[in-house]
């Protein structure tokens, strides 16, 4: 009879008698531990992703504020300042760079800060030089670049060009007293 039983199912106490083996609990403890482990890993990953998103958004917002700020230009100010003007430039006549050139006739008035006392003298001294630069400027343009829709761009380009020429102040505004583009 003792051959029918396995040794592992029998326990012997100190007295040498047989006692039945204690059964292992069948509650599935190792399954619960696995579930808890997966839940812990998932929570750790979620926390990591949230941290990465928060850091990324804060970095982008910190740097993005200067990129999204709109520059304030003279065109968007409530009122434009009243500049002193230099209107002694003669009428400029040029031909456009189109395959079939158009004639351009333009009269330009320069606006400057009236506190720049020496600037008007410099305008007078550089009058011929500015007239030549303006003629070259308009002769490099196409007729489609001289439309009223692009007038603001033209004025800014002319202002920058003339500011490279003057040394004792700054041209603040360009006014077109006349701008004609005539098809030939």
C-alpha atoms as a PDB file:
ATOM      1  CA  UNK A   1       0.000   0.000   0.000  1.00  0.00           C
ATOM      2  CA  UNK A   2       2.784   2.341   0.644  1.00  0.00           C
ATOM      3  CA  UNK A   3       3.853   1.855  -2.961  1.00  0.00           C
ATOM      4  CA  UNK A   4       0.719   3.565  -4.198  1.00  0.00           C
ATOM      5  CA  UNK A   5       1.503   6.913  -2.599  1.00  0.00           C
ATOM      6  CA  UNK A   6       4.131   9.300  -3.740  1.00  0.00           C
ATOM      7  CA  UNK A   7       6.575  10.586  -1.254  1.00  0.00           C
ATOM      8  CA  UNK A   8       5.787  14.188  -2.042  1.00  0.00           C
ATOM      9  CA  UNK A   9       2.180  13.868  -0.961  1.00  0.00           C
ATOM     10  CA  UNK A  10       3.070  12.606   2.448  1.00  0.00           C
ATOM     11  CA  UNK A  11       4.519  14.510   5.312  1.00  0.00           C
ATOM     12  CA  UNK A  12       6.101  12.906   8.200  1.00  0.00           C
ATOM     13  CA  UNK A  13       6.153  14.620  11.497  1.00  0.00           C
ATOM     14  CA  UNK A  14       8.857  14.101  14.057  1.00  0.00           C
ATOM     15  CA  UNK A  15       7.031  11.182  15.471  1.00  0.00           C
ATOM     16  CA  UNK A  16       7.309   9.435  12.139  1.00  0.00           C
ATOM     17  CA  UNK A  17       3.600   9.313  11.436  1.00  0.00           C
ATOM     18  CA  UNK A  18       2.071  10.222   8.142  1.00  0.00           C
ATOM     19  CA  UNK A  19       0.114  13.423   7.760  1.00  0.00           C
ATOM     20  CA  UNK A  20      -1.713  14.532   4.618  1.00  0.00           C
ATOM     21  CA  UNK A  21       0.080  17.279   2.600  1.00  0.00           C
ATOM     22  CA  UNK A  22      -1.237  20.804   2.953  1.00  0.00           C
ATOM     23  CA  UNK A  23      -2.871  21.983  -0.241  1.00  0.00           C
ATOM     24  CA  UNK A  24      -1.610  25.153  -1.956  1.00  0.00           C
ATOM     25  CA  UNK A  25      -4.148  27.940  -2.081  1.00  0.00           C
ATOM     26  CA  UNK A  26      -5.870  28.102  -5.438  1.00  0.00           C
ATOM     27  CA  UNK A  27      -6.629  31.869  -5.346  1.00  0.00           C
ATOM     28  CA  UNK A  28      -4.357  32.621  -8.356  1.00  0.00           C
ATOM     29  CA  UNK A  29      -1.941  34.900  -6.522  1.00  0.00           C
ATOM     30  CA  UNK A  30       0.605  34.856  -9.320  1.00  0.00           C
ATOM     31  CA  UNK A  31      -2.062  36.014 -11.844  1.00  0.00           C
ATOM     32  CA  UNK A  32      -2.956  39.021  -9.707  1.00  0.00           C
ATOM     33  CA  UNK A  33       0.710  39.909  -9.407  1.00  0.00           C
ATOM     34  CA  UNK A  34       1.089  39.849 -13.199  1.00  0.00           C
ATOM     35  CA  UNK A  35      -1.941  42.113 -13.649  1.00  0.00           C
ATOM     36  CA  UNK A  36      -0.620  44.524 -11.034  1.00  0.00           C
ATOM     37  CA  UNK A  37       2.760  44.535 -12.756  1.00  0.00           C
ATOM     38  CA  UNK A  38       1.204  45.402 -16.157  1.00  0.00           C
ATOM     39  CA  UNK A  39      -0.961  48.120 -14.565  1.00  0.00           C
ATOM     40  CA  UNK A  40       2.144  49.595 -12.898  1.00  0.00           C
ATOM     41  CA  UNK A  41       4.077  49.588 -16.183  1.00  0.00           C
ATOM     42  CA  UNK A  42       1.147  51.197 -17.993  1.00  0.00           C
ATOM     43  CA  UNK A  43       0.860  53.937 -15.332  1.00  0.00           C
ATOM     44  CA  UNK A  44       4.607  54.590 -15.518  1.00  0.00           C
ATOM     45  CA  UNK A  45       4.432  54.920 -19.321  1.00  0.00           C
ATOM     46  CA  UNK A  46       1.448  57.284 -19.075  1.00  0.00           C
ATOM     47  CA  UNK A  47       3.315  59.427 -16.538  1.00  0.00           C
ATOM     48  CA  UNK A  48       6.375  59.498 -18.827  1.00  0.00           C
ATOM     49  CA  UNK A  49       4.298  60.530 -21.865  1.00  0.00           C
ATOM     50  CA  UNK A  50       2.481  63.249 -19.913  1.00  0.00           C
ATOM     51  CA  UNK A  51       5.808  64.597 -18.644  1.00  0.00           C
ATOM     52  CA  UNK A  52       7.253  64.691 -22.164  1.00  0.00           C
ATOM     53  CA  UNK A  53       4.166  66.480 -23.508  1.00  0.00           C
ATOM     54  CA  UNK A  54       4.192  69.076 -20.708  1.00  0.00           C
ATOM     55  CA  UNK A  55       7.901  69.798 -21.160  1.00  0.00           C
ATOM     56  CA  UNK A  56       7.560  70.022 -24.952  1.00  0.00           C
ATOM     57  CA  UNK A  57       4.581  72.371 -24.783  1.00  0.00           C
ATOM     58  CA  UNK A  58       6.257  74.630 -22.236  1.00  0.00           C
ATOM     59  CA  UNK A  59       9.437  74.824 -24.335  1.00  0.00           C
ATOM     60  CA  UNK A  60       7.490  75.595 -27.493  1.00  0.00           C
ATOM     61  CA  UNK A  61       5.374  78.228 -25.768  1.00  0.00           C
ATOM     62  CA  UNK A  62       8.450  79.831 -24.279  1.00  0.00           C
ATOM     63  CA  UNK A  63      10.160  80.149 -27.643  1.00  0.00           C
ATOM     64  CA  UNK A  64       7.031  80.512 -29.752  1.00  0.00           C
ATOM     65  CA  UNK A  65       5.886  83.736 -28.137  1.00  0.00           C
ATOM     66  CA  UNK A  66       8.529  85.786 -29.948  1.00  0.00           C
ATOM     67  CA  UNK A  67       7.728  84.091 -33.236  1.00  0.00           C
ATOM     68  CA  UNK A  68       4.029  84.769 -33.049  1.00  0.00           C
ATOM     69  CA  UNK A  69       4.340  88.400 -32.034  1.00  0.00           C
ATOM     70  CA  UNK A  70       3.374  90.632 -34.911  1.00  0.00           C
ATOM     71  CA  UNK A  71       5.734  93.479 -35.658  1.00  0.00           C
ATOM     72  CA  UNK A  72       4.233  96.923 -35.470  1.00  0.00           C
ATOM     73  CA  UNK A  73       4.858  98.819 -38.660  1.00  0.00           C
ATOM     74  CA  UNK A  74       4.114 102.388 -39.592  1.00  0.00           C
ATOM     75  CA  UNK A  75       1.254 101.184 -41.788  1.00  0.00           C
ATOM     76  CA  UNK A  76      -0.644  99.861 -38.746  1.00  0.00           C
ATOM     77  CA  UNK A  77      -0.170 102.798 -36.406  1.00  0.00           C
ATOM     78  CA  UNK A  78      -3.243 104.809 -35.497  1.00  0.00           C
ATOM     79  CA  UNK A  79      -1.834 107.991 -36.998  1.00  0.00           C
ATOM     80  CA  UNK A  80       1.263 108.664 -39.017  1.00  0.00           C
ATOM     81  CA  UNK A  81       3.641 111.328 -37.808  1.00  0.00           C
ATOM     82  CA  UNK A  82       3.887 114.589 -39.716  1.00  0.00           C
ATOM     83  CA  UNK A  83       7.362 114.424 -41.233  1.00  0.00           C
ATOM     84  CA  UNK A  84       9.251 117.316 -42.699  1.00  0.00           C
ATOM     85  CA  UNK A  85       9.431 116.867 -46.486  1.00  0.00           C
ATOM     86  CA  UNK A  86      12.003 117.288 -49.206  1.00  0.00           C
ATOM     87  CA  UNK A  87      10.259 117.854 -52.535  1.00  0.00           C
ATOM     88  CA  UNK A  88      13.147 119.119 -54.664  1.00  0.00           C
ATOM     89  CA  UNK A  89      13.766 115.844 -56.509  1.00  0.00           C
ATOM     90  CA  UNK A  90      12.943 116.258 -60.190  1.00  0.00           C
ATOM     91  CA  UNK A  91      10.487 113.969 -61.950  1.00  0.00           C
ATOM     92  CA  UNK A  92      12.020 110.572 -62.690  1.00  0.00           C
ATOM     93  CA  UNK A  93      11.477 108.968 -66.086  1.00  0.00           C
ATOM     94  CA  UNK A  94      12.510 105.394 -66.842  1.00  0.00           C
ATOM     95  CA  UNK A  95      11.583 102.327 -68.874  1.00  0.00           C
ATOM     96  CA  UNK A  96      10.673  99.043 -67.195  1.00  0.00           C
ATOM     97  CA  UNK A  97      12.612  95.805 -67.625  1.00  0.00           C
ATOM     98  CA  UNK A  98       9.672  94.127 -69.431  1.00  0.00           C
ATOM     99  CA  UNK A  99      10.240  92.516 -72.860  1.00  0.00           C
ATOM    100  CA  UNK A 100       7.958  95.255 -74.174  1.00  0.00           C
ATOM    101  CA  UNK A 101       9.038  98.134 -71.917  1.00  0.00           C
ATOM    102  CA  UNK A 102       6.566 100.470 -70.272  1.00  0.00           C
ATOM    103  CA  UNK A 103       7.391 104.080 -69.480  1.00  0.00           C
ATOM    104  CA  UNK A 104       7.472 105.094 -65.835  1.00  0.00           C
ATOM    105  CA  UNK A 105       7.022 108.663 -64.649  1.00  0.00           C
ATOM    106  CA  UNK A 106       7.302 109.232 -60.914  1.00  0.00           C
ATOM    107  CA  UNK A 107       7.590 112.225 -58.627  1.00  0.00           C
ATOM    108  CA  UNK A 108       8.873 111.352 -55.176  1.00  0.00           C
ATOM    109  CA  UNK A 109       8.789 113.376 -51.975  1.00  0.00           C
ATOM    110  CA  UNK A 110      10.977 112.331 -49.070  1.00  0.00           C
ATOM    111  CA  UNK A 111       9.784 112.510 -45.472  1.00  0.00           C
ATOM    112  CA  UNK A 112      12.302 112.994 -42.680  1.00  0.00           C
ATOM    113  CA  UNK A 113      12.452 114.025 -39.038  1.00  0.00           C
ATOM    114  CA  UNK A 114      12.593 117.814 -38.798  1.00  0.00           C
ATOM    115  CA  UNK A 115      15.189 117.515 -36.003  1.00  0.00           C
ATOM    116  CA  UNK A 116      17.660 116.187 -38.610  1.00  0.00           C
ATOM    117  CA  UNK A 117      18.784 119.686 -39.638  1.00  0.00           C
ATOM    118  CA  UNK A 118      21.723 118.507 -41.729  1.00  0.00           C
ATOM    119  CA  UNK A 119      19.678 115.942 -43.661  1.00  0.00           C
ATOM    120  CA  UNK A 120      18.017 118.493 -45.951  1.00  0.00           C
ATOM    121  CA  UNK A 121      21.471 119.813 -46.882  1.00  0.00           C
ATOM    122  CA  UNK A 122      22.588 116.257 -47.616  1.00  0.00           C
ATOM    123  CA  UNK A 123      19.504 115.730 -49.806  1.00  0.00           C
ATOM    124  CA  UNK A 124      20.479 118.831 -51.786  1.00  0.00           C
ATOM    125  CA  UNK A 125      24.079 117.655 -52.086  1.00  0.00           C
ATOM    126  CA  UNK A 126      23.073 114.136 -53.172  1.00  0.00           C
ATOM    127  CA  UNK A 127      20.159 115.198 -55.391  1.00  0.00           C
ATOM    128  CA  UNK A 128      21.728 113.980 -58.661  1.00  0.00           C
ATOM    129  CA  UNK A 129      22.977 110.776 -57.037  1.00  0.00           C
ATOM    130  CA  UNK A 130      19.494 110.009 -55.633  1.00  0.00           C
ATOM    131  CA  UNK A 131      17.835 110.813 -58.970  1.00  0.00           C
ATOM    132  CA  UNK A 132      20.165 108.388 -60.754  1.00  0.00           C
ATOM    133  CA  UNK A 133      19.612 105.660 -58.138  1.00  0.00           C
ATOM    134  CA  UNK A 134      15.829 106.065 -58.437  1.00  0.00           C
ATOM    135  CA  UNK A 135      15.969 105.928 -62.249  1.00  0.00           C
ATOM    136  CA  UNK A 136      18.010 102.706 -62.032  1.00  0.00           C
ATOM    137  CA  UNK A 137      15.588 101.328 -59.430  1.00  0.00           C
ATOM    138  CA  UNK A 138      12.542 101.817 -61.658  1.00  0.00           C
ATOM    139  CA  UNK A 139      14.307 100.587 -64.806  1.00  0.00           C
ATOM    140  CA  UNK A 140      15.005  97.234 -63.076  1.00  0.00           C
ATOM    141  CA  UNK A 141      11.318  96.726 -62.227  1.00  0.00           C
ATOM    142  CA  UNK A 142       8.631  95.023 -64.302  1.00  0.00           C
ATOM    143  CA  UNK A 143       5.341  96.817 -64.941  1.00  0.00           C
ATOM    144  CA  UNK A 144       3.488  94.285 -62.776  1.00  0.00           C
ATOM    145  CA  UNK A 145       5.713  95.280 -59.830  1.00  0.00           C
ATOM    146  CA  UNK A 146       4.605  98.918 -60.146  1.00  0.00           C
ATOM    147  CA  UNK A 147       0.908  98.407 -59.412  1.00  0.00           C
ATOM    148  CA  UNK A 148      -1.023 100.259 -56.697  1.00  0.00           C
ATOM    149  CA  UNK A 149      -1.298  96.987 -54.728  1.00  0.00           C
ATOM    150  CA  UNK A 150       2.502  96.918 -54.375  1.00  0.00           C
ATOM    151  CA  UNK A 151       2.933 100.612 -53.644  1.00  0.00           C
ATOM    152  CA  UNK A 152       3.753 100.023 -49.978  1.00  0.00           C
ATOM    153  CA  UNK A 153       6.473  97.526 -50.911  1.00  0.00           C
ATOM    154  CA  UNK A 154       7.931  99.944 -53.456  1.00  0.00           C
ATOM    155  CA  UNK A 155       8.021 102.768 -50.927  1.00  0.00           C
ATOM    156  CA  UNK A 156       9.817 100.590 -48.382  1.00  0.00           C
ATOM    157  CA  UNK A 157      12.377  99.427 -50.954  1.00  0.00           C
ATOM    158  CA  UNK A 158      13.056 103.027 -52.011  1.00  0.00           C
ATOM    159  CA  UNK A 159      13.308 104.168 -48.390  1.00  0.00           C
ATOM    160  CA  UNK A 160      15.867 101.469 -47.593  1.00  0.00           C
ATOM    161  CA  UNK A 161      17.872 102.242 -50.742  1.00  0.00           C
ATOM    162  CA  UNK A 162      18.016 105.972 -49.977  1.00  0.00           C
ATOM    163  CA  UNK A 163      18.929 105.349 -46.334  1.00  0.00           C
ATOM    164  CA  UNK A 164      22.026 103.504 -47.553  1.00  0.00           C
ATOM    165  CA  UNK A 165      23.014 106.684 -49.387  1.00  0.00           C
ATOM    166  CA  UNK A 166      22.541 109.286 -46.640  1.00  0.00           C
ATOM    167  CA  UNK A 167      24.875 109.604 -43.673  1.00  0.00           C
ATOM    168  CA  UNK A 168      23.426 112.347 -41.465  1.00  0.00           C
ATOM    169  CA  UNK A 169      19.909 111.108 -40.804  1.00  0.00           C
ATOM    170  CA  UNK A 170      17.210 108.794 -42.034  1.00  0.00           C
ATOM    171  CA  UNK A 171      14.489 108.917 -44.665  1.00  0.00           C
ATOM    172  CA  UNK A 172      11.341 108.149 -42.681  1.00  0.00           C
ATOM    173  CA  UNK A 173       8.714 108.102 -45.428  1.00  0.00           C
ATOM    174  CA  UNK A 174       8.343 108.044 -49.191  1.00  0.00           C
ATOM    175  CA  UNK A 175       5.425 109.809 -50.846  1.00  0.00           C
ATOM    176  CA  UNK A 176       4.485 109.428 -54.498  1.00  0.00           C
ATOM    177  CA  UNK A 177       3.159 112.709 -55.775  1.00  0.00           C
ATOM    178  CA  UNK A 178       2.768 111.002 -59.148  1.00  0.00           C
ATOM    179  CA  UNK A 179       3.354 107.422 -60.319  1.00  0.00           C
ATOM    180  CA  UNK A 180       2.428 106.554 -63.877  1.00  0.00           C
ATOM    181  CA  UNK A 181       3.193 103.346 -65.720  1.00  0.00           C
ATOM    182  CA  UNK A 182       2.404 103.896 -69.384  1.00  0.00           C
ATOM    183  CA  UNK A 183       2.140 101.004 -71.832  1.00  0.00           C
ATOM    184  CA  UNK A 184       3.889 101.723 -75.127  1.00  0.00           C
END
